[in-house]
Amino acid sequence: MADDNRPLKYMRYAIGEIVLVVVGILIALQINNWNENNKSDVIRKDYYYQLLDDLEIDKNEMTSIIDQIESRKKKYDSYIKTFEAPGLGPIELIENISKLDYVFRFYSFETSTMESLLNTGDIKLLPNLLRRKLIRFNRSKQTEIERTTLNYIEYRDKLRQAELSGFSDLYDRSLQHEDLLALLYPSNSNQLKEVIYSVDAAIRIKNMTETVSLSVLKELLVEIEIIDELINKELEEN
């Protein structure tokens, strides 16, 4: 009878061994999954803090740009109002144009963390809503940079055309010398007209560019606040 029960004992032993092996594998997989999840959490949190730093840099940059644009727009509006006064002559017009701000600022936004997320594929570690917000925010910044760069080229070309016609600080230095002014800008030539047309066109392009930028940058500042809130919420919950 003992020999008859031996196969059954071996079977039970074998089944027990299989169960132990399976349980061991499951435990190992669980530990591995836990380690991977823990590693992902560490990487994700590191990205969150980097993104918060980038957003703060962008926020300061955009706020500075907005302040400068609003200051330049006031000067441009004052220039436009000079046309309301009767008897505005070409010399006075040139003087008014010369008082405008000709700085065309190129935008530089922080993109290093976003580029790392996209290049490594780690963007998938972020929640869907936050991921979509960041991608759209990054795309909007890039679009604004490309738009202003294209407009700058047209602005630059107009100013170069004006410079070739004599628009430079030489004009300002010549104002107190009538003979020199008459020689450089003779009244019977189209030179002064070309200067006025070119400079006015350049400034108009610049003003339109900055008017759009003003709206875009203010919208981006709102997006920064939303993204900032989403990231901090994730940090609090994890």
C-alpha atoms as a PDB file:
ATOM      1  CA  MET A   1       0.000   0.000   0.000  1.00  0.00           C
ATOM      2  CA  ALA A   2       2.930   2.296   0.787  1.00  0.00           C
ATOM      3  CA  ASP A   3       4.323   1.748  -2.702  1.00  0.00           C
ATOM      4  CA  ASP A   4       0.912   2.460  -4.159  1.00  0.00           C
ATOM      5  CA  ASN A   5       0.847   5.913  -2.454  1.00  0.00           C
ATOM      6  CA  ARG A   6       4.373   6.831  -3.560  1.00  0.00           C
ATOM      7  CA  PRO A   7       3.403   8.237  -7.015  1.00  0.00           C
ATOM      8  CA  LEU A   8       0.703  10.323  -5.397  1.00  0.00           C
ATOM      9  CA  LYS A   9       3.228  11.745  -2.918  1.00  0.00           C
ATOM     10  CA  TYR A  10       5.640  12.558  -5.747  1.00  0.00           C
ATOM     11  CA  MET A  11       2.833  14.277  -7.654  1.00  0.00           C
ATOM     12  CA  ARG A  12       1.883  16.343  -4.644  1.00  0.00           C
ATOM     13  CA  TYR A  13       5.521  17.260  -4.118  1.00  0.00           C
ATOM     14  CA  ALA A  14       5.918  18.208  -7.772  1.00  0.00           C
ATOM     15  CA  ILE A  15       2.775  20.309  -7.718  1.00  0.00           C
ATOM     16  CA  GLY A  16       3.994  22.025  -4.564  1.00  0.00           C
ATOM     17  CA  GLU A  17       7.316  22.792  -6.234  1.00  0.00           C
ATOM     18  CA  ILE A  18       5.555  24.225  -9.275  1.00  0.00           C
ATOM     19  CA  VAL A  19       3.344  26.368  -7.073  1.00  0.00           C
ATOM     20  CA  LEU A  20       6.376  27.666  -5.176  1.00  0.00           C
ATOM     21  CA  VAL A  21       8.179  28.468  -8.430  1.00  0.00           C
ATOM     22  CA  VAL A  22       5.113  30.270  -9.818  1.00  0.00           C
ATOM     23  CA  VAL A  23       4.634  32.204  -6.586  1.00  0.00           C
ATOM     24  CA  GLY A  24       8.325  33.125  -6.617  1.00  0.00           C
ATOM     25  CA  ILE A  25       8.101  34.355 -10.200  1.00  0.00           C
ATOM     26  CA  LEU A  26       4.994  36.403  -9.400  1.00  0.00           C
ATOM     27  CA  ILE A  27       6.674  37.944  -6.357  1.00  0.00           C
ATOM     28  CA  ALA A  28       9.781  38.753  -8.424  1.00  0.00           C
ATOM     29  CA  LEU A  29       7.639  40.360 -11.126  1.00  0.00           C
ATOM     30  CA  GLN A  30       5.766  42.351  -8.507  1.00  0.00           C
ATOM     31  CA  ILE A  31       9.014  43.574  -6.957  1.00  0.00           C
ATOM     32  CA  ASN A  32      10.374  44.437 -10.413  1.00  0.00           C
ATOM     33  CA  ASN A  33       7.176  46.339 -11.258  1.00  0.00           C
ATOM     34  CA  TRP A  34       7.380  48.170  -7.945  1.00  0.00           C
ATOM     35  CA  ASN A  35      10.999  49.110  -8.608  1.00  0.00           C
ATOM     36  CA  GLU A  36      10.149  50.304 -12.123  1.00  0.00           C
ATOM     37  CA  ASN A  37       7.201  52.342 -10.845  1.00  0.00           C
ATOM     38  CA  ASN A  38       9.348  53.821  -8.088  1.00  0.00           C
ATOM     39  CA  LYS A  39      12.040  54.686 -10.654  1.00  0.00           C
ATOM     40  CA  SER A  40       9.427  56.295 -12.924  1.00  0.00           C
ATOM     41  CA  ASP A  41       8.079  58.324 -10.000  1.00  0.00           C
ATOM     42  CA  VAL A  42      11.561  59.668  -9.251  1.00  0.00           C
ATOM     43  CA  ILE A  43      12.153  60.579 -12.913  1.00  0.00           C
ATOM     44  CA  ARG A  44       8.698  62.155 -13.207  1.00  0.00           C
ATOM     45  CA  LYS A  45       9.189  64.299 -10.086  1.00  0.00           C
ATOM     46  CA  ASP A  46      12.571  65.443 -11.350  1.00  0.00           C
ATOM     47  CA  TYR A  47      10.919  66.545 -14.603  1.00  0.00           C
ATOM     48  CA  TYR A  48       8.197  68.350 -12.658  1.00  0.00           C
ATOM     49  CA  TYR A  49      10.720  70.471 -10.775  1.00  0.00           C
ATOM     50  CA  GLN A  50      12.634  71.215 -13.967  1.00  0.00           C
ATOM     51  CA  LEU A  51       9.425  72.233 -15.724  1.00  0.00           C
ATOM     52  CA  LEU A  52       8.487  74.537 -12.847  1.00  0.00           C
ATOM     53  CA  ASP A  53      11.895  76.228 -13.136  1.00  0.00           C
ATOM     54  CA  ASP A  54      11.456  76.600 -16.921  1.00  0.00           C
ATOM     55  CA  LEU A  55       7.979  78.043 -16.492  1.00  0.00           C
ATOM     56  CA  GLU A  56       9.273  80.611 -14.025  1.00  0.00           C
ATOM     57  CA  ILE A  57      11.999  81.657 -16.485  1.00  0.00           C
ATOM     58  CA  ASP A  58       9.434  81.950 -19.300  1.00  0.00           C
ATOM     59  CA  LYS A  59       7.084  83.900 -17.062  1.00  0.00           C
ATOM     60  CA  ASN A  60       9.766  86.458 -16.190  1.00  0.00           C
ATOM     61  CA  GLU A  61      10.861  86.729 -19.835  1.00  0.00           C
ATOM     62  CA  MET A  62       7.308  87.207 -21.111  1.00  0.00           C
ATOM     63  CA  THR A  63       6.468  89.755 -18.414  1.00  0.00           C
ATOM     64  CA  SER A  64       9.574  91.744 -19.342  1.00  0.00           C
ATOM     65  CA  ILE A  65       8.713  91.626 -23.054  1.00  0.00           C
ATOM     66  CA  ILE A  66       5.131  92.746 -22.384  1.00  0.00           C
ATOM     67  CA  ASP A  67       6.334  95.744 -20.337  1.00  0.00           C
ATOM     68  CA  GLN A  68       8.711  96.787 -23.126  1.00  0.00           C
ATOM     69  CA  ILE A  69       6.095  96.369 -25.854  1.00  0.00           C
ATOM     70  CA  GLU A  70       3.544  98.438 -23.936  1.00  0.00           C
ATOM     71  CA  SER A  71       6.136 101.185 -23.478  1.00  0.00           C
ATOM     72  CA  ARG A  72       6.993 101.192 -27.205  1.00  0.00           C
ATOM     73  CA  LYS A  73       3.315 101.183 -28.186  1.00  0.00           C
ATOM     74  CA  LYS A  74       2.780 104.377 -26.177  1.00  0.00           C
ATOM     75  CA  LYS A  75       5.522 106.048 -28.214  1.00  0.00           C
ATOM     76  CA  TYR A  76       4.007 104.767 -31.441  1.00  0.00           C
ATOM     77  CA  ASP A  77       0.539 106.005 -30.456  1.00  0.00           C
ATOM     78  CA  SER A  78       2.042 109.421 -29.707  1.00  0.00           C
ATOM     79  CA  TYR A  79       3.674 109.408 -33.130  1.00  0.00           C
ATOM     80  CA  ILE A  80       0.357 108.610 -34.819  1.00  0.00           C
ATOM     81  CA  LYS A  81      -1.311 111.474 -32.951  1.00  0.00           C
ATOM     82  CA  THR A  82       1.185 113.950 -34.427  1.00  0.00           C
ATOM     83  CA  PHE A  83      -0.660 113.571 -37.739  1.00  0.00           C
ATOM     84  CA  GLU A  84      -3.731 115.134 -36.121  1.00  0.00           C
ATOM     85  CA  ALA A  85      -1.935 118.470 -35.793  1.00  0.00           C
ATOM     86  CA  PRO A  86      -2.366 120.800 -38.800  1.00  0.00           C
ATOM     87  CA  GLY A  87       0.603 121.888 -40.878  1.00  0.00           C
ATOM     88  CA  LEU A  88       2.815 118.857 -40.244  1.00  0.00           C
ATOM     89  CA  GLY A  89       5.842 119.166 -42.530  1.00  0.00           C
ATOM     90  CA  PRO A  90       8.317 116.544 -43.748  1.00  0.00           C
ATOM     91  CA  ILE A  91      11.160 117.791 -41.535  1.00  0.00           C
ATOM     92  CA  GLU A  92       8.982 117.704 -38.419  1.00  0.00           C
ATOM     93  CA  LEU A  93       7.698 114.283 -39.453  1.00  0.00           C
ATOM     94  CA  ILE A  94      11.243 112.938 -39.710  1.00  0.00           C
ATOM     95  CA  GLU A  95      12.008 114.385 -36.274  1.00  0.00           C
ATOM     96  CA  ASN A  96       8.966 112.622 -34.812  1.00  0.00           C
ATOM     97  CA  ILE A  97       9.919 109.329 -36.455  1.00  0.00           C
ATOM     98  CA  SER A  98      13.441 109.633 -35.053  1.00  0.00           C
ATOM     99  CA  LYS A  99      12.061 109.664 -31.495  1.00  0.00           C
ATOM    100  CA  LEU A 100      10.578 106.165 -31.858  1.00  0.00           C
ATOM    101  CA  ASP A 101      12.096 103.024 -30.401  1.00  0.00           C
ATOM    102  CA  TYR A 102      13.650 100.898 -33.151  1.00  0.00           C
ATOM    103  CA  VAL A 103      14.652  97.953 -30.963  1.00  0.00           C
ATOM    104  CA  PHE A 104      13.242  94.696 -32.288  1.00  0.00           C
ATOM    105  CA  ARG A 105      13.633  92.158 -29.529  1.00  0.00           C
ATOM    106  CA  PHE A 106      14.050  88.502 -30.356  1.00  0.00           C
ATOM    107  CA  TYR A 107      12.293  86.119 -28.009  1.00  0.00           C
ATOM    108  CA  SER A 108      14.178  83.399 -26.157  1.00  0.00           C
ATOM    109  CA  PHE A 109      12.067  80.917 -24.225  1.00  0.00           C
ATOM    110  CA  GLU A 110      13.162  77.954 -22.124  1.00  0.00           C
ATOM    111  CA  THR A 111      12.712  74.641 -23.963  1.00  0.00           C
ATOM    112  CA  SER A 112      15.456  72.320 -22.607  1.00  0.00           C
ATOM    113  CA  THR A 113      13.236  70.209 -20.340  1.00  0.00           C
ATOM    114  CA  MET A 114      10.499  69.906 -22.945  1.00  0.00           C
ATOM    115  CA  GLU A 115      13.030  68.878 -25.571  1.00  0.00           C
ATOM    116  CA  SER A 116      14.394  66.228 -23.201  1.00  0.00           C
ATOM    117  CA  LEU A 117      10.879  64.892 -22.551  1.00  0.00           C
ATOM    118  CA  LEU A 118      10.167  64.635 -26.267  1.00  0.00           C
ATOM    119  CA  ASN A 119      13.557  63.284 -27.366  1.00  0.00           C
ATOM    120  CA  THR A 120      13.692  60.559 -24.699  1.00  0.00           C
ATOM    121  CA  GLY A 121      10.023  59.628 -24.950  1.00  0.00           C
ATOM    122  CA  ASP A 122       9.633  60.369 -21.234  1.00  0.00           C
ATOM    123  CA  ILE A 123       6.720  62.646 -22.118  1.00  0.00           C
ATOM    124  CA  LYS A 124       4.591  59.483 -21.791  1.00  0.00           C
ATOM    125  CA  LEU A 125       5.320  59.496 -18.042  1.00  0.00           C
ATOM    126  CA  LEU A 126       3.155  62.587 -17.616  1.00  0.00           C
ATOM    127  CA  PRO A 127      -0.637  62.567 -17.217  1.00  0.00           C
ATOM    128  CA  ASN A 128      -2.593  63.083 -20.440  1.00  0.00           C
ATOM    129  CA  LEU A 129      -3.975  66.532 -19.614  1.00  0.00           C
ATOM    130  CA  LEU A 130      -0.612  67.905 -18.502  1.00  0.00           C
ATOM    131  CA  ARG A 131       1.111  66.331 -21.500  1.00  0.00           C
ATOM    132  CA  ARG A 132      -1.313  67.959 -23.951  1.00  0.00           C
ATOM    133  CA  LYS A 133      -0.997  71.339 -22.223  1.00  0.00           C
ATOM    134  CA  LEU A 134       2.796  71.243 -22.349  1.00  0.00           C
ATOM    135  CA  ILE A 135       2.942  70.210 -26.000  1.00  0.00           C
ATOM    136  CA  ARG A 136       0.504  72.957 -27.004  1.00  0.00           C
ATOM    137  CA  PHE A 137       2.364  75.520 -24.875  1.00  0.00           C
ATOM    138  CA  ASN A 138       5.687  74.550 -26.432  1.00  0.00           C
ATOM    139  CA  ARG A 139       4.214  74.720 -29.950  1.00  0.00           C
ATOM    140  CA  SER A 140       2.702  78.165 -29.285  1.00  0.00           C
ATOM    141  CA  LYS A 141       6.062  79.533 -28.134  1.00  0.00           C
ATOM    142  CA  GLN A 142       7.796  78.188 -31.217  1.00  0.00           C
ATOM    143  CA  THR A 143       5.107  79.606 -33.514  1.00  0.00           C
ATOM    144  CA  GLU A 144       5.476  83.053 -31.936  1.00  0.00           C
ATOM    145  CA  ILE A 145       9.257  82.971 -32.356  1.00  0.00           C
ATOM    146  CA  GLU A 146       8.924  82.003 -36.030  1.00  0.00           C
ATOM    147  CA  ARG A 147       6.293  84.692 -36.691  1.00  0.00           C
ATOM    148  CA  THR A 148       8.309  87.511 -35.130  1.00  0.00           C
ATOM    149  CA  THR A 149      11.490  86.375 -36.897  1.00  0.00           C
ATOM    150  CA  LEU A 150       9.778  86.531 -40.296  1.00  0.00           C
ATOM    151  CA  ASN A 151       8.357  89.967 -39.538  1.00  0.00           C
ATOM    152  CA  TYR A 152      11.774  91.165 -38.387  1.00  0.00           C
ATOM    153  CA  ILE A 153      13.229  90.339 -41.803  1.00  0.00           C
ATOM    154  CA  GLU A 154      10.642  92.578 -43.481  1.00  0.00           C
ATOM    155  CA  TYR A 155      11.196  95.288 -40.841  1.00  0.00           C
ATOM    156  CA  ARG A 156      14.981  95.129 -41.325  1.00  0.00           C
ATOM    157  CA  ASP A 157      14.675  95.376 -45.109  1.00  0.00           C
ATOM    158  CA  LYS A 158      12.511  98.488 -44.851  1.00  0.00           C
ATOM    159  CA  LEU A 159      15.003 100.171 -42.522  1.00  0.00           C
ATOM    160  CA  ARG A 160      17.904  99.293 -44.826  1.00  0.00           C
ATOM    161  CA  GLN A 161      16.003 100.873 -47.693  1.00  0.00           C
ATOM    162  CA  ALA A 162      15.550 104.002 -45.581  1.00  0.00           C
ATOM    163  CA  GLU A 163      19.220 104.049 -44.628  1.00  0.00           C
ATOM    164  CA  LEU A 164      20.208 103.900 -48.291  1.00  0.00           C
ATOM    165  CA  SER A 165      18.037 106.968 -48.777  1.00  0.00           C
ATOM    166  CA  GLY A 166      19.808 108.797 -45.985  1.00  0.00           C
ATOM    167  CA  PHE A 167      17.938 107.906 -42.782  1.00  0.00           C
ATOM    168  CA  SER A 168      20.566 107.766 -40.029  1.00  0.00           C
ATOM    169  CA  ASP A 169      21.828 109.794 -37.094  1.00  0.00           C
ATOM    170  CA  LEU A 170      23.544 111.952 -39.720  1.00  0.00           C
ATOM    171  CA  TYR A 171      20.155 113.576 -40.311  1.00  0.00           C
ATOM    172  CA  ASP A 172      19.859 114.530 -36.632  1.00  0.00           C
ATOM    173  CA  ARG A 173      23.362 115.968 -36.627  1.00  0.00           C
ATOM    174  CA  SER A 174      22.561 118.019 -39.751  1.00  0.00           C
ATOM    175  CA  LEU A 175      19.398 119.662 -38.412  1.00  0.00           C
ATOM    176  CA  GLN A 176      21.285 122.652 -37.008  1.00  0.00           C
ATOM    177  CA  HIS A 177      23.120 123.231 -40.310  1.00  0.00           C
ATOM    178  CA  GLU A 178      20.719 124.391 -43.022  1.00  0.00           C
ATOM    179  CA  ASP A 179      23.256 124.320 -45.864  1.00  0.00           C
ATOM    180  CA  LEU A 180      24.357 120.797 -45.013  1.00  0.00           C
ATOM    181  CA  LEU A 181      20.742 119.672 -44.602  1.00  0.00           C
ATOM    182  CA  ALA A 182      19.832 121.155 -47.992  1.00  0.00           C
ATOM    183  CA  LEU A 183      22.772 119.373 -49.583  1.00  0.00           C
ATOM    184  CA  LEU A 184      22.009 115.983 -48.036  1.00  0.00           C
ATOM    185  CA  TYR A 185      18.227 116.221 -48.416  1.00  0.00           C
ATOM    186  CA  PRO A 186      17.468 118.541 -51.339  1.00  0.00           C
ATOM    187  CA  SER A 187      13.849 119.678 -51.461  1.00  0.00           C
ATOM    188  CA  ASN A 188      13.571 119.003 -55.174  1.00  0.00           C
ATOM    189  CA  SER A 189      14.351 115.259 -54.836  1.00  0.00           C
ATOM    190  CA  ASN A 190      12.303 112.283 -53.787  1.00  0.00           C
ATOM    191  CA  GLN A 191      14.919 111.299 -51.223  1.00  0.00           C
ATOM    192  CA  LEU A 192      13.036 112.610 -48.191  1.00  0.00           C
ATOM    193  CA  LYS A 193       9.803 111.033 -49.405  1.00  0.00           C
ATOM    194  CA  GLU A 194      11.507 107.644 -49.764  1.00  0.00           C
ATOM    195  CA  VAL A 195      12.932 107.919 -46.259  1.00  0.00           C
ATOM    196  CA  ILE A 196       9.544 108.726 -44.784  1.00  0.00           C
ATOM    197  CA  TYR A 197       7.737 105.932 -46.634  1.00  0.00           C
ATOM    198  CA  SER A 198      10.339 103.303 -45.754  1.00  0.00           C
ATOM    199  CA  VAL A 199      10.700 104.196 -42.083  1.00  0.00           C
ATOM    200  CA  ASP A 200       6.965 104.579 -41.550  1.00  0.00           C
ATOM    201  CA  ALA A 201       6.376 101.172 -43.178  1.00  0.00           C
ATOM    202  CA  ALA A 202       9.070  99.580 -41.011  1.00  0.00           C
ATOM    203  CA  ILE A 203       7.644 101.034 -37.808  1.00  0.00           C
ATOM    204  CA  ARG A 204       4.131  99.995 -38.811  1.00  0.00           C
ATOM    205  CA  ILE A 205       5.307  96.386 -39.345  1.00  0.00           C
ATOM    206  CA  LYS A 206       7.028  96.459 -35.965  1.00  0.00           C
ATOM    207  CA  ASN A 207       3.967  97.850 -34.226  1.00  0.00           C
ATOM    208  CA  MET A 208       1.632  95.267 -35.780  1.00  0.00           C
ATOM    209  CA  THR A 209       4.045  92.481 -34.853  1.00  0.00           C
ATOM    210  CA  GLU A 210       4.241  93.639 -31.248  1.00  0.00           C
ATOM    211  CA  THR A 211       0.473  94.158 -31.017  1.00  0.00           C
ATOM    212  CA  VAL A 212      -0.067  90.500 -31.883  1.00  0.00           C
ATOM    213  CA  SER A 213       2.786  89.471 -29.571  1.00  0.00           C
ATOM    214  CA  LEU A 214       1.159  91.354 -26.723  1.00  0.00           C
ATOM    215  CA  SER A 215      -2.001  89.279 -27.066  1.00  0.00           C
ATOM    216  CA  VAL A 216      -0.140  85.988 -27.576  1.00  0.00           C
ATOM    217  CA  LEU A 217       2.197  86.506 -24.624  1.00  0.00           C
ATOM    218  CA  LYS A 218      -0.653  87.368 -22.282  1.00  0.00           C
ATOM    219  CA  GLU A 219      -2.413  84.154 -23.318  1.00  0.00           C
ATOM    220  CA  LEU A 220       0.796  82.200 -22.731  1.00  0.00           C
ATOM    221  CA  LEU A 221       1.074  83.684 -19.232  1.00  0.00           C
ATOM    222  CA  VAL A 222      -2.390  82.318 -18.479  1.00  0.00           C
ATOM    223  CA  GLU A 223      -1.269  78.903 -19.772  1.00  0.00           C
ATOM    224  CA  ILE A 224       1.772  79.040 -17.509  1.00  0.00           C
ATOM    225  CA  GLU A 225      -0.470  79.494 -14.478  1.00  0.00           C
ATOM    226  CA  ILE A 226      -2.655  76.553 -15.514  1.00  0.00           C
ATOM    227  CA  ILE A 227       0.317  74.250 -16.161  1.00  0.00           C
ATOM    228  CA  ASP A 228       1.988  75.360 -12.936  1.00  0.00           C
ATOM    229  CA  GLU A 229      -1.153  74.468 -11.005  1.00  0.00           C
ATOM    230  CA  LEU A 230      -1.406  71.039 -12.678  1.00  0.00           C
ATOM    231  CA  ILE A 231       2.226  70.203 -11.866  1.00  0.00           C
ATOM    232  CA  ASN A 232       1.939  71.278  -8.230  1.00  0.00           C
ATOM    233  CA  LYS A 233      -1.215  69.226  -7.884  1.00  0.00           C
ATOM    234  CA  GLU A 234       0.639  66.153  -9.178  1.00  0.00           C
ATOM    235  CA  LEU A 235       3.464  66.768  -6.723  1.00  0.00           C
ATOM    236  CA  GLU A 236       1.035  67.051  -3.820  1.00  0.00           C
ATOM    237  CA  GLU A 237      -0.788  63.836  -4.726  1.00  0.00           C
ATOM    238  CA  ASN A 238       2.391  61.820  -5.179  1.00  0.00           C
END
